[in-house]
Amino acid sequence: MHIPQGMGYALLGNVPAITGIYMALFPVLVYFVLGTSRHISMGNGFTTGAAIHVFTSQIKDLLGLKLEKFDGVFNIGLTYIDIFSKLYTIKWAAVIVSAVALTMLLVNNEILK
């Protein structure tokens, strides 16, 4: 499971998929030699970073905003500055559709499951 997960995270980070294969292999080897837990191979920080990256890339669609694409080290921060500066242009139809869809997903996952 580490190889497909690592490849997926690599593609999220806009790097070649082979990087994800290396990311899946080397942490396991390092943890095998140095680690105290045999269950953790990528760590919580990487997962949190990937979640923030995915949320940031989707928020424009949830709010119906047209945002600039930023490159570089501070692209997430610049994206949030752009989001907050354009909050007055939110398309409420997109917000309502997004809220209904997220509510349906949460109800299905938490209550009906």
Foldseek 3Di string as FASTA:
>chain_A
DQLVVLLVLCVLVVHHSVRSNVLSPVQQVCCVVDNDDNPDRNDDVSVVVSVLSVCLVCVCQQQVHDFDQDDDDCRSVVSVVRCVVCVVVGDVVSNVVSVVVVVVVCCCVPPVD
